[in-house]
Each structure stands twice: as structure tokens, then as C-alpha cells.
Amino acid sequence: MLEARQRFGPIGGYCETLYRERKGEELYMFVKSLAERGVPEMGMFLEGDAAREMFVARLPVALASHASSPPTFCLQPIGVLTGPGGLLSAFSKRGMRISALA
């Protein structure tokens, strides 16, 4: 992990940069290479409240900016979706329509 940190800088920042630049394959390979070296996946350490705050702040705005595009599929942990501070509540407050797929 130190080698990756020296090569790319902060690992979370590097992953976010790859995500922002839509380099999904490169991001996948990078995370996979870390896992192969025994580095735990970031999701294991993702705090539920912090994740919910991040998604509630970013996802509705991102989806609203693509309102004219086809429906969007998002898979989220149930704790991020539910409750008064969850995504479903945030979407509803913004007048967004939500459909569940089962």
C-alpha cells in the first residue's frame, strides 16, 4: 500500500480522480490490485452515516442534471436509502420519482 501511495499519492484521492474522469476499468484494476496484495476494500470501513451524507449531498444533484436521460439504476446500501436523512427522503424532497426493482 505504501508503494501505491508513493506512486499515486493519496489512494482515496486517486480513486476519486479515476472515477471523476470516468476511467472505470482503470479504477477497477487498481482496486483489484490492492485487494490482491491483501489491502481490505474501502467499503469495509465506510461509516454508514458518512456514506449517507455523501450520497444525499451528491447523488440527487447528479441525477437531476441528467433528468432528460433514460432512467438511472443505482444500487445503494439500505442504510443509505432509508430514514429521514436517507436518499429516498432527499429524492422525495426534490420532487424526484423513485421506482423499486425487485
PDB file of N, CA and C in Angstrom:
ATOM      1  N   MET A   1       0.823  -1.173   0.000  1.00  0.00           N
ATOM      2  CA  MET A   1       0.000   0.000   0.000  1.00  0.00           C
ATOM      3  C   MET A   1       0.873   1.245   0.000  1.00  0.00           C
ATOM      4  N   LEU A   2       1.990   1.190   0.698  1.00  0.00           N
ATOM      5  CA  LEU A   2       2.898   2.332   0.708  1.00  0.00           C
ATOM      6  C   LEU A   2       3.463   2.605  -0.684  1.00  0.00           C
ATOM      7  N   GLU A   3       3.725   1.529  -1.417  1.00  0.00           N
ATOM      8  CA  GLU A   3       4.218   1.682  -2.792  1.00  0.00           C
ATOM      9  C   GLU A   3       3.183   2.403  -3.662  1.00  0.00           C
ATOM     10  N   ALA A   4       1.928   1.993  -3.531  1.00  0.00           N
ATOM     11  CA  ALA A   4       0.853   2.644  -4.290  1.00  0.00           C
ATOM     12  C   ALA A   4       0.709   4.094  -3.860  1.00  0.00           C
ATOM     13  N   ARG A   5       0.836   4.356  -2.567  1.00  0.00           N
ATOM     14  CA  ARG A   5       0.730   5.727  -2.044  1.00  0.00           C
ATOM     15  C   ARG A   5       1.842   6.602  -2.608  1.00  0.00           C
ATOM     16  N   GLN A   6       3.046   6.072  -2.661  1.00  0.00           N
ATOM     17  CA  GLN A   6       4.173   6.828  -3.214  1.00  0.00           C
ATOM     18  C   GLN A   6       3.998   7.075  -4.704  1.00  0.00           C
ATOM     19  N   ARG A   7       3.460   6.101  -5.394  1.00  0.00           N
ATOM     20  CA  ARG A   7       3.308   6.202  -6.849  1.00  0.00           C
ATOM     21  C   ARG A   7       2.151   7.111  -7.264  1.00  0.00           C
ATOM     22  N   PHE A   8       1.001   7.032  -6.547  1.00  0.00           N
ATOM     23  CA  PHE A   8      -0.212   7.735  -6.964  1.00  0.00           C
ATOM     24  C   PHE A   8      -0.631   8.867  -6.047  1.00  0.00           C
ATOM     25  N   GLY A   9       0.004   9.000  -4.890  1.00  0.00           N
ATOM     26  CA  GLY A   9      -0.458   9.977  -3.909  1.00  0.00           C
ATOM     27  C   GLY A   9      -1.537   9.338  -3.054  1.00  0.00           C
ATOM     28  N   PRO A  10      -2.349  10.155  -2.384  1.00  0.00           N
ATOM     29  CA  PRO A  10      -3.400   9.593  -1.542  1.00  0.00           C
ATOM     30  C   PRO A  10      -4.299   8.636  -2.336  1.00  0.00           C
ATOM     31  N   ILE A  11      -4.468   7.439  -1.830  1.00  0.00           N
ATOM     32  CA  ILE A  11      -5.179   6.401  -2.569  1.00  0.00           C
ATOM     33  C   ILE A  11      -6.641   6.762  -2.804  1.00  0.00           C
ATOM     34  N   GLY A  12      -7.313   7.270  -1.780  1.00  0.00           N
ATOM     35  CA  GLY A  12      -8.708   7.674  -1.950  1.00  0.00           C
ATOM     36  C   GLY A  12      -8.849   8.771  -2.996  1.00  0.00           C
ATOM     37  N   GLY A  13      -7.930   9.734  -2.973  1.00  0.00           N
ATOM     38  CA  GLY A  13      -7.956  10.818  -3.954  1.00  0.00           C
ATOM     39  C   GLY A  13      -7.713  10.299  -5.363  1.00  0.00           C
ATOM     40  N   TYR A  14      -6.818   9.341  -5.481  1.00  0.00           N
ATOM     41  CA  TYR A  14      -6.535   8.754  -6.793  1.00  0.00           C
ATOM     42  C   TYR A  14      -7.764   8.013  -7.322  1.00  0.00           C
ATOM     43  N   CYS A  15      -8.410   7.247  -6.440  1.00  0.00           N
ATOM     44  CA  CYS A  15      -9.623   6.522  -6.844  1.00  0.00           C
ATOM     45  C   CYS A  15     -10.715   7.502  -7.267  1.00  0.00           C
ATOM     46  N   GLU A  16     -10.873   8.574  -6.514  1.00  0.00           N
ATOM     47  CA  GLU A  16     -11.889   9.563  -6.849  1.00  0.00           C
ATOM     48  C   GLU A  16     -11.577  10.238  -8.184  1.00  0.00           C
ATOM     49  N   THR A  17     -10.304  10.505  -8.441  1.00  0.00           N
ATOM     50  CA  THR A  17      -9.909  11.101  -9.725  1.00  0.00           C
ATOM     51  C   THR A  17     -10.261  10.163 -10.876  1.00  0.00           C
ATOM     52  N   LEU A  18      -9.942   8.889 -10.729  1.00  0.00           N
ATOM     53  CA  LEU A  18     -10.278   7.920 -11.773  1.00  0.00           C
ATOM     54  C   LEU A  18     -11.783   7.873 -11.993  1.00  0.00           C
ATOM     55  N   TYR A  19     -12.541   7.935 -10.899  1.00  0.00           N
ATOM     56  CA  TYR A  19     -13.997   7.908 -11.006  1.00  0.00           C
ATOM     57  C   TYR A  19     -14.504   9.152 -11.735  1.00  0.00           C
ATOM     58  N   ARG A  20     -14.015  10.312 -11.338  1.00  0.00           N
ATOM     59  CA  ARG A  20     -14.454  11.561 -11.967  1.00  0.00           C
ATOM     60  C   ARG A  20     -14.125  11.598 -13.453  1.00  0.00           C
ATOM     61  N   GLU A  21     -12.995  11.019 -13.814  1.00  0.00           N
ATOM     62  CA  GLU A  21     -12.570  11.005 -15.214  1.00  0.00           C
ATOM     63  C   GLU A  21     -13.187   9.836 -15.981  1.00  0.00           C
ATOM     64  N   ARG A  22     -14.102   9.121 -15.334  1.00  0.00           N
ATOM     65  CA  ARG A  22     -14.832   8.001 -15.940  1.00  0.00           C
ATOM     66  C   ARG A  22     -13.897   6.903 -16.452  1.00  0.00           C
ATOM     67  N   LYS A  23     -12.836   6.654 -15.701  1.00  0.00           N
ATOM     68  CA  LYS A  23     -11.891   5.593 -16.044  1.00  0.00           C
ATOM     69  C   LYS A  23     -12.212   4.361 -15.209  1.00  0.00           C
ATOM     70  N   GLY A  24     -13.412   3.822 -15.459  1.00  0.00           N
ATOM     71  CA  GLY A  24     -13.920   2.709 -14.666  1.00  0.00           C
ATOM     72  C   GLY A  24     -13.045   1.473 -14.701  1.00  0.00           C
ATOM     73  N   GLU A  25     -12.574   1.119 -15.856  1.00  0.00           N
ATOM     74  CA  GLU A  25     -11.735  -0.080 -15.977  1.00  0.00           C
ATOM     75  C   GLU A  25     -10.427   0.099 -15.199  1.00  0.00           C
ATOM     76  N   GLU A  26      -9.827   1.270 -15.315  1.00  0.00           N
ATOM     77  CA  GLU A  26      -8.580   1.546 -14.597  1.00  0.00           C
ATOM     78  C   GLU A  26      -8.822   1.536 -13.078  1.00  0.00           C
ATOM     79  N   LEU A  27      -9.940   2.109 -12.660  1.00  0.00           N
ATOM     80  CA  LEU A  27     -10.286   2.116 -11.238  1.00  0.00           C
ATOM     81  C   LEU A  27     -10.490   0.694 -10.741  1.00  0.00           C
ATOM     82  N   TYR A  28     -11.226  -0.101 -11.502  1.00  0.00           N
ATOM     83  CA  TYR A  28     -11.461  -1.497 -11.134  1.00  0.00           C
ATOM     84  C   TYR A  28     -10.136  -2.250 -10.981  1.00  0.00           C
ATOM     85  N   MET A  29      -9.255  -2.096 -11.946  1.00  0.00           N
ATOM     86  CA  MET A  29      -7.981  -2.811 -11.913  1.00  0.00           C
ATOM     87  C   MET A  29      -7.118  -2.350 -10.733  1.00  0.00           C
ATOM     88  N   PHE A  30      -7.140  -1.053 -10.444  1.00  0.00           N
ATOM     89  CA  PHE A  30      -6.362  -0.526  -9.328  1.00  0.00           C
ATOM     90  C   PHE A  30      -6.852  -1.107  -8.000  1.00  0.00           C
ATOM     91  N   VAL A  31      -8.158  -1.066  -7.774  1.00  0.00           N
ATOM     92  CA  VAL A  31      -8.731  -1.596  -6.530  1.00  0.00           C
ATOM     93  C   VAL A  31      -8.495  -3.105  -6.446  1.00  0.00           C
ATOM     94  N   LYS A  32      -8.631  -3.785  -7.573  1.00  0.00           N
ATOM     95  CA  LYS A  32      -8.393  -5.230  -7.607  1.00  0.00           C
ATOM     96  C   LYS A  32      -6.938  -5.540  -7.243  1.00  0.00           C
ATOM     97  N   SER A  33      -5.994  -4.742  -7.765  1.00  0.00           N
ATOM     98  CA  SER A  33      -4.577  -4.987  -7.461  1.00  0.00           C
ATOM     99  C   SER A  33      -4.297  -4.760  -5.973  1.00  0.00           C
ATOM    100  N   LEU A  34      -4.966  -3.792  -5.367  1.00  0.00           N
ATOM    101  CA  LEU A  34      -4.803  -3.585  -3.930  1.00  0.00           C
ATOM    102  C   LEU A  34      -5.336  -4.783  -3.149  1.00  0.00           C
ATOM    103  N   ALA A  35      -6.516  -5.271  -3.548  1.00  0.00           N
ATOM    104  CA  ALA A  35      -7.123  -6.424  -2.864  1.00  0.00           C
ATOM    105  C   ALA A  35      -6.236  -7.655  -2.995  1.00  0.00           C
ATOM    106  N   GLU A  36      -5.624  -7.827  -4.156  1.00  0.00           N
ATOM    107  CA  GLU A  36      -4.740  -8.976  -4.371  1.00  0.00           C
ATOM    108  C   GLU A  36      -3.511  -8.908  -3.481  1.00  0.00           C
ATOM    109  N   ARG A  37      -3.143  -7.713  -3.050  1.00  0.00           N
ATOM    110  CA  ARG A  37      -1.998  -7.541  -2.143  1.00  0.00           C
ATOM    111  C   ARG A  37      -2.420  -7.568  -0.683  1.00  0.00           C
ATOM    112  N   GLY A  38      -3.708  -7.878  -0.442  1.00  0.00           N
ATOM    113  CA  GLY A  38      -4.176  -8.002   0.928  1.00  0.00           C
ATOM    114  C   GLY A  38      -4.719  -6.729   1.547  1.00  0.00           C
ATOM    115  N   VAL A  39      -4.881  -5.682   0.754  1.00  0.00           N
ATOM    116  CA  VAL A  39      -5.442  -4.438   1.279  1.00  0.00           C
ATOM    117  C   VAL A  39      -6.957  -4.593   1.342  1.00  0.00           C
ATOM    118  N   PRO A  40      -7.556  -4.371   2.502  1.00  0.00           N
ATOM    119  CA  PRO A  40      -9.013  -4.519   2.603  1.00  0.00           C
ATOM    120  C   PRO A  40      -9.734  -3.510   1.720  1.00  0.00           C
ATOM    121  N   GLU A  41     -10.926  -3.877   1.257  1.00  0.00           N
ATOM    122  CA  GLU A  41     -11.718  -2.975   0.425  1.00  0.00           C
ATOM    123  C   GLU A  41     -12.197  -1.798   1.258  1.00  0.00           C
ATOM    124  N   MET A  42     -12.293  -0.639   0.617  1.00  0.00           N
ATOM    125  CA  MET A  42     -12.685   0.573   1.320  1.00  0.00           C
ATOM    126  C   MET A  42     -14.073   0.453   1.924  1.00  0.00           C
ATOM    127  N   GLY A  43     -14.971  -0.272   1.278  1.00  0.00           N
ATOM    128  CA  GLY A  43     -16.329  -0.398   1.771  1.00  0.00           C
ATOM    129  C   GLY A  43     -16.410  -0.981   3.169  1.00  0.00           C
ATOM    130  N   MET A  44     -15.409  -1.747   3.550  1.00  0.00           N
ATOM    131  CA  MET A  44     -15.407  -2.330   4.883  1.00  0.00           C
ATOM    132  C   MET A  44     -15.315  -1.254   5.958  1.00  0.00           C
ATOM    133  N   PHE A  45     -14.734  -0.110   5.606  1.00  0.00           N
ATOM    134  CA  PHE A  45     -14.506   0.940   6.580  1.00  0.00           C
ATOM    135  C   PHE A  45     -15.439   2.128   6.391  1.00  0.00           C
ATOM    136  N   LEU A  46     -16.338   2.030   5.436  1.00  0.00           N
ATOM    137  CA  LEU A  46     -17.239   3.132   5.139  1.00  0.00           C
ATOM    138  C   LEU A  46     -18.275   3.267   6.242  1.00  0.00           C
ATOM    139  N   GLU A  47     -18.237   4.374   6.930  1.00  0.00           N
ATOM    140  CA  GLU A  47     -19.185   4.629   8.011  1.00  0.00           C
ATOM    141  C   GLU A  47     -20.545   4.932   7.413  1.00  0.00           C
ATOM    142  N   GLY A  48     -21.571   4.272   7.914  1.00  0.00           N
ATOM    143  CA  GLY A  48     -22.915   4.416   7.361  1.00  0.00           C
ATOM    144  C   GLY A  48     -23.395   5.858   7.319  1.00  0.00           C
ATOM    145  N   ASP A  49     -23.242   6.596   8.415  1.00  0.00           N
ATOM    146  CA  ASP A  49     -23.709   7.983   8.451  1.00  0.00           C
ATOM    147  C   ASP A  49     -22.944   8.865   7.472  1.00  0.00           C
ATOM    148  N   ALA A  50     -21.638   8.668   7.402  1.00  0.00           N
ATOM    149  CA  ALA A  50     -20.824   9.470   6.483  1.00  0.00           C
ATOM    150  C   ALA A  50     -21.183   9.151   5.032  1.00  0.00           C
ATOM    151  N   ALA A  51     -21.414   7.869   4.742  1.00  0.00           N
ATOM    152  CA  ALA A  51     -21.794   7.472   3.384  1.00  0.00           C
ATOM    153  C   ALA A  51     -23.137   8.081   3.014  1.00  0.00           C
ATOM    154  N   ARG A  52     -24.078   8.024   3.945  1.00  0.00           N
ATOM    155  CA  ARG A  52     -25.402   8.586   3.686  1.00  0.00           C
ATOM    156  C   ARG A  52     -25.290  10.085   3.398  1.00  0.00           C
ATOM    157  N   GLU A  53     -24.538  10.808   4.210  1.00  0.00           N
ATOM    158  CA  GLU A  53     -24.378  12.251   3.998  1.00  0.00           C
ATOM    159  C   GLU A  53     -23.768  12.542   2.636  1.00  0.00           C
ATOM    160  N   MET A  54     -22.753  11.764   2.253  1.00  0.00           N
ATOM    161  CA  MET A  54     -22.099  11.975   0.967  1.00  0.00           C
ATOM    162  C   MET A  54     -23.069  11.715  -0.182  1.00  0.00           C
ATOM    163  N   PHE A  55     -23.775  10.587  -0.131  1.00  0.00           N
ATOM    164  CA  PHE A  55     -24.703  10.265  -1.207  1.00  0.00           C
ATOM    165  C   PHE A  55     -25.863  11.251  -1.275  1.00  0.00           C
ATOM    166  N   VAL A  56     -26.405  11.634  -0.119  1.00  0.00           N
ATOM    167  CA  VAL A  56     -27.529  12.575  -0.107  1.00  0.00           C
ATOM    168  C   VAL A  56     -27.097  13.921  -0.676  1.00  0.00           C
ATOM    169  N   ALA A  57     -25.865  14.318  -0.429  1.00  0.00           N
ATOM    170  CA  ALA A  57     -25.370  15.593  -0.947  1.00  0.00           C
ATOM    171  C   ALA A  57     -25.078  15.543  -2.444  1.00  0.00           C
ATOM    172  N   ARG A  58     -24.585  14.416  -2.934  1.00  0.00           N
ATOM    173  CA  ARG A  58     -24.108  14.361  -4.318  1.00  0.00           C
ATOM    174  C   ARG A  58     -25.063  13.721  -5.324  1.00  0.00           C
ATOM    175  N   LEU A  59     -25.680  12.612  -4.947  1.00  0.00           N
ATOM    176  CA  LEU A  59     -26.431  11.825  -5.922  1.00  0.00           C
ATOM    177  C   LEU A  59     -27.670  12.522  -6.473  1.00  0.00           C
ATOM    178  N   PRO A  60     -28.533  13.139  -5.645  1.00  0.00           N
ATOM    179  CA  PRO A  60     -29.709  13.805  -6.224  1.00  0.00           C
ATOM    180  C   PRO A  60     -29.336  14.903  -7.216  1.00  0.00           C
ATOM    181  N   VAL A  61     -28.303  15.654  -6.923  1.00  0.00           N
ATOM    182  CA  VAL A  61     -27.862  16.724  -7.825  1.00  0.00           C
ATOM    183  C   VAL A  61     -27.342  16.126  -9.130  1.00  0.00           C
ATOM    184  N   ALA A  62     -26.557  15.066  -9.029  1.00  0.00           N
ATOM    185  CA  ALA A  62     -26.022  14.420 -10.227  1.00  0.00           C
ATOM    186  C   ALA A  62     -27.139  13.842 -11.083  1.00  0.00           C
ATOM    187  N   LEU A  63     -28.111  13.198 -10.451  1.00  0.00           N
ATOM    188  CA  LEU A  63     -29.214  12.615 -11.209  1.00  0.00           C
ATOM    189  C   LEU A  63     -30.096  13.694 -11.827  1.00  0.00           C
ATOM    190  N   ALA A  64     -30.329  14.778 -11.097  1.00  0.00           N
ATOM    191  CA  ALA A  64     -31.167  15.865 -11.615  1.00  0.00           C
ATOM    192  C   ALA A  64     -30.523  16.517 -12.839  1.00  0.00           C
ATOM    193  N   SER A  65     -29.205  16.540 -12.890  1.00  0.00           N
ATOM    194  CA  SER A  65     -28.533  17.152 -14.038  1.00  0.00           C
ATOM    195  C   SER A  65     -28.683  16.291 -15.296  1.00  0.00           C
ATOM    196  N   HIS A  66     -29.104  15.052 -15.118  1.00  0.00           N
ATOM    197  CA  HIS A  66     -29.330  14.146 -16.247  1.00  0.00           C
ATOM    198  C   HIS A  66     -30.815  13.794 -16.363  1.00  0.00           C
ATOM    199  N   ALA A  67     -31.668  14.715 -15.964  1.00  0.00           N
ATOM    200  CA  ALA A  67     -33.113  14.445 -15.890  1.00  0.00           C
ATOM    201  C   ALA A  67     -33.720  14.041 -17.226  1.00  0.00           C
ATOM    202  N   SER A  68     -33.181  14.522 -18.331  1.00  0.00           N
ATOM    203  CA  SER A  68     -33.757  14.196 -19.632  1.00  0.00           C
ATOM    204  C   SER A  68     -33.238  12.868 -20.180  1.00  0.00           C
ATOM    205  N   SER A  69     -32.274  12.269 -19.504  1.00  0.00           N
ATOM    206  CA  SER A  69     -31.734  10.997 -19.984  1.00  0.00           C
ATOM    207  C   SER A  69     -32.605   9.842 -19.477  1.00  0.00           C
ATOM    208  N   PRO A  70     -32.370   8.634 -19.991  1.00  0.00           N
ATOM    209  CA  PRO A  70     -33.176   7.476 -19.591  1.00  0.00           C
ATOM    210  C   PRO A  70     -33.092   7.235 -18.082  1.00  0.00           C
ATOM    211  N   PRO A  71     -33.976   6.412 -17.540  1.00  0.00           N
ATOM    212  CA  PRO A  71     -33.927   6.096 -16.100  1.00  0.00           C
ATOM    213  C   PRO A  71     -32.535   5.623 -15.696  1.00  0.00           C
ATOM    214  N   THR A  72     -32.170   5.918 -14.466  1.00  0.00           N
ATOM    215  CA  THR A  72     -30.856   5.574 -13.950  1.00  0.00           C
ATOM    216  C   THR A  72     -30.983   4.505 -12.887  1.00  0.00           C
ATOM    217  N   PHE A  73     -30.120   3.510 -12.938  1.00  0.00           N
ATOM    218  CA  PHE A  73     -30.102   2.438 -11.948  1.00  0.00           C
ATOM    219  C   PHE A  73     -29.008   2.728 -10.934  1.00  0.00           C
ATOM    220  N   CYS A  74     -29.354   2.743  -9.656  1.00  0.00           N
ATOM    221  CA  CYS A  74     -28.384   2.961  -8.577  1.00  0.00           C
ATOM    222  C   CYS A  74     -28.586   1.894  -7.521  1.00  0.00           C
ATOM    223  N   LEU A  75     -27.534   1.225  -7.160  1.00  0.00           N
ATOM    224  CA  LEU A  75     -27.585   0.207  -6.118  1.00  0.00           C
ATOM    225  C   LEU A  75     -26.899   0.789  -4.892  1.00  0.00           C
ATOM    226  N   GLN A  76     -27.648   0.908  -3.798  1.00  0.00           N
ATOM    227  CA  GLN A  76     -27.131   1.518  -2.580  1.00  0.00           C
ATOM    228  C   GLN A  76     -27.415   0.627  -1.385  1.00  0.00           C
ATOM    229  N   PRO A  77     -26.590   0.728  -0.343  1.00  0.00           N
ATOM    230  CA  PRO A  77     -26.900   0.003   0.899  1.00  0.00           C
ATOM    231  C   PRO A  77     -28.211   0.514   1.489  1.00  0.00           C
ATOM    232  N   ILE A  78     -28.977  -0.353   2.107  1.00  0.00           N
ATOM    233  CA  ILE A  78     -30.286   0.013   2.633  1.00  0.00           C
ATOM    234  C   ILE A  78     -30.182   1.152   3.651  1.00  0.00           C
ATOM    235  N   GLY A  79     -29.121   1.187   4.430  1.00  0.00           N
ATOM    236  CA  GLY A  79     -28.944   2.244   5.419  1.00  0.00           C
ATOM    237  C   GLY A  79     -28.750   3.616   4.803  1.00  0.00           C
ATOM    238  N   VAL A  80     -28.283   3.664   3.581  1.00  0.00           N
ATOM    239  CA  VAL A  80     -28.112   4.941   2.871  1.00  0.00           C
ATOM    240  C   VAL A  80     -29.448   5.395   2.290  1.00  0.00           C
ATOM    241  N   LEU A  81     -30.300   4.443   1.969  1.00  0.00           N
ATOM    242  CA  LEU A  81     -31.582   4.762   1.326  1.00  0.00           C
ATOM    243  C   LEU A  81     -32.663   5.217   2.296  1.00  0.00           C
ATOM    244  N   THR A  82     -32.724   4.591   3.459  1.00  0.00           N
ATOM    245  CA  THR A  82     -33.880   4.767   4.334  1.00  0.00           C
ATOM    246  C   THR A  82     -33.653   5.774   5.452  1.00  0.00           C
ATOM    247  N   GLY A  83     -34.741   6.094   6.137  1.00  0.00           N
ATOM    248  CA  GLY A  83     -34.692   7.007   7.270  1.00  0.00           C
ATOM    249  C   GLY A  83     -34.893   8.447   6.844  1.00  0.00           C
ATOM    250  N   PRO A  84     -35.126   9.320   7.820  1.00  0.00           N
ATOM    251  CA  PRO A  84     -35.409  10.721   7.492  1.00  0.00           C
ATOM    252  C   PRO A  84     -34.248  11.436   6.804  1.00  0.00           C
ATOM    253  N   GLY A  85     -33.032  10.954   7.000  1.00  0.00           N
ATOM    254  CA  GLY A  85     -31.882  11.578   6.352  1.00  0.00           C
ATOM    255  C   GLY A  85     -31.358  10.785   5.181  1.00  0.00           C
ATOM    256  N   GLY A  86     -32.123   9.793   4.718  1.00  0.00           N
ATOM    257  CA  GLY A  86     -31.661   8.921   3.645  1.00  0.00           C
ATOM    258  C   GLY A  86     -31.944   9.474   2.254  1.00  0.00           C
ATOM    259  N   LEU A  87     -31.450   8.744   1.272  1.00  0.00           N
ATOM    260  CA  LEU A  87     -31.601   9.155  -0.130  1.00  0.00           C
ATOM    261  C   LEU A  87     -33.057   9.226  -0.568  1.00  0.00           C
ATOM    262  N   LEU A  88     -33.868   8.256  -0.165  1.00  0.00           N
ATOM    263  CA  LEU A  88     -35.265   8.272  -0.605  1.00  0.00           C
ATOM    264  C   LEU A  88     -35.971   9.544  -0.142  1.00  0.00           C
ATOM    265  N   SER A  89     -35.695   9.951   1.070  1.00  0.00           N
ATOM    266  CA  SER A  89     -36.267  11.193   1.593  1.00  0.00           C
ATOM    267  C   SER A  89     -35.732  12.399   0.824  1.00  0.00           C
ATOM    268  N   ALA A  90     -34.437  12.408   0.548  1.00  0.00           N
ATOM    269  CA  ALA A  90     -33.835  13.521  -0.197  1.00  0.00           C
ATOM    270  C   ALA A  90     -34.409  13.608  -1.608  1.00  0.00           C
ATOM    271  N   PHE A  91     -34.598  12.463  -2.254  1.00  0.00           N
ATOM    272  CA  PHE A  91     -35.187  12.456  -3.600  1.00  0.00           C
ATOM    273  C   PHE A  91     -36.605  13.006  -3.555  1.00  0.00           C
ATOM    274  N   SER A  92     -37.372  12.535  -2.589  1.00  0.00           N
ATOM    275  CA  SER A  92     -38.762  12.960  -2.460  1.00  0.00           C
ATOM    276  C   SER A  92     -38.858  14.469  -2.243  1.00  0.00           C
ATOM    277  N   LYS A  93     -38.002  15.016  -1.403  1.00  0.00           N
ATOM    278  CA  LYS A  93     -37.993  16.462  -1.136  1.00  0.00           C
ATOM    279  C   LYS A  93     -37.675  17.273  -2.386  1.00  0.00           C
ATOM    280  N   ARG A  94     -36.938  16.663  -3.311  1.00  0.00           N
ATOM    281  CA  ARG A  94     -36.579  17.353  -4.561  1.00  0.00           C
ATOM    282  C   ARG A  94     -37.577  17.069  -5.677  1.00  0.00           C
ATOM    283  N   GLY A  95     -38.650  16.342  -5.352  1.00  0.00           N
ATOM    284  CA  GLY A  95     -39.679  16.055  -6.337  1.00  0.00           C
ATOM    285  C   GLY A  95     -39.280  14.968  -7.326  1.00  0.00           C
ATOM    286  N   MET A  96     -38.281  14.176  -7.011  1.00  0.00           N
ATOM    287  CA  MET A  96     -37.828  13.116  -7.903  1.00  0.00           C
ATOM    288  C   MET A  96     -38.705  11.895  -7.706  1.00  0.00           C
ATOM    289  N   ARG A  97     -38.925  11.135  -8.773  1.00  0.00           N
ATOM    290  CA  ARG A  97     -39.728   9.916  -8.728  1.00  0.00           C
ATOM    291  C   ARG A  97     -38.806   8.715  -8.581  1.00  0.00           C
ATOM    292  N   ILE A  98     -39.172   7.817  -7.702  1.00  0.00           N
ATOM    293  CA  ILE A  98     -38.349   6.641  -7.424  1.00  0.00           C
ATOM    294  C   ILE A  98     -39.163   5.388  -7.707  1.00  0.00           C
ATOM    295  N   SER A  99     -38.554   4.419  -8.387  1.00  0.00           N
ATOM    296  CA  SER A  99     -39.181   3.132  -8.642  1.00  0.00           C
ATOM    297  C   SER A  99     -38.277   2.043  -8.124  1.00  0.00           C
ATOM    298  N   ALA A 100     -38.838   1.100  -7.423  1.00  0.00           N
ATOM    299  CA  ALA A 100     -38.052  -0.025  -6.913  1.00  0.00           C
ATOM    300  C   ALA A 100     -38.128  -1.178  -7.894  1.00  0.00           C
ATOM    301  N   LEU A 101     -37.018  -1.843  -8.092  1.00  0.00           N
ATOM    302  CA  LEU A 101     -36.956  -3.050  -8.913  1.00  0.00           C
ATOM    303  C   LEU A 101     -36.756  -4.222  -7.985  1.00  0.00           C
ATOM    304  N   ALA A 102     -37.563  -5.234  -8.134  1.00  0.00           N
ATOM    305  CA  ALA A 102     -37.412  -6.397  -7.246  1.00  0.00           C
ATOM    306  C   ALA A 102     -37.099  -7.621  -8.066  1.00  0.00           C
TER     307      ALA A 102
END
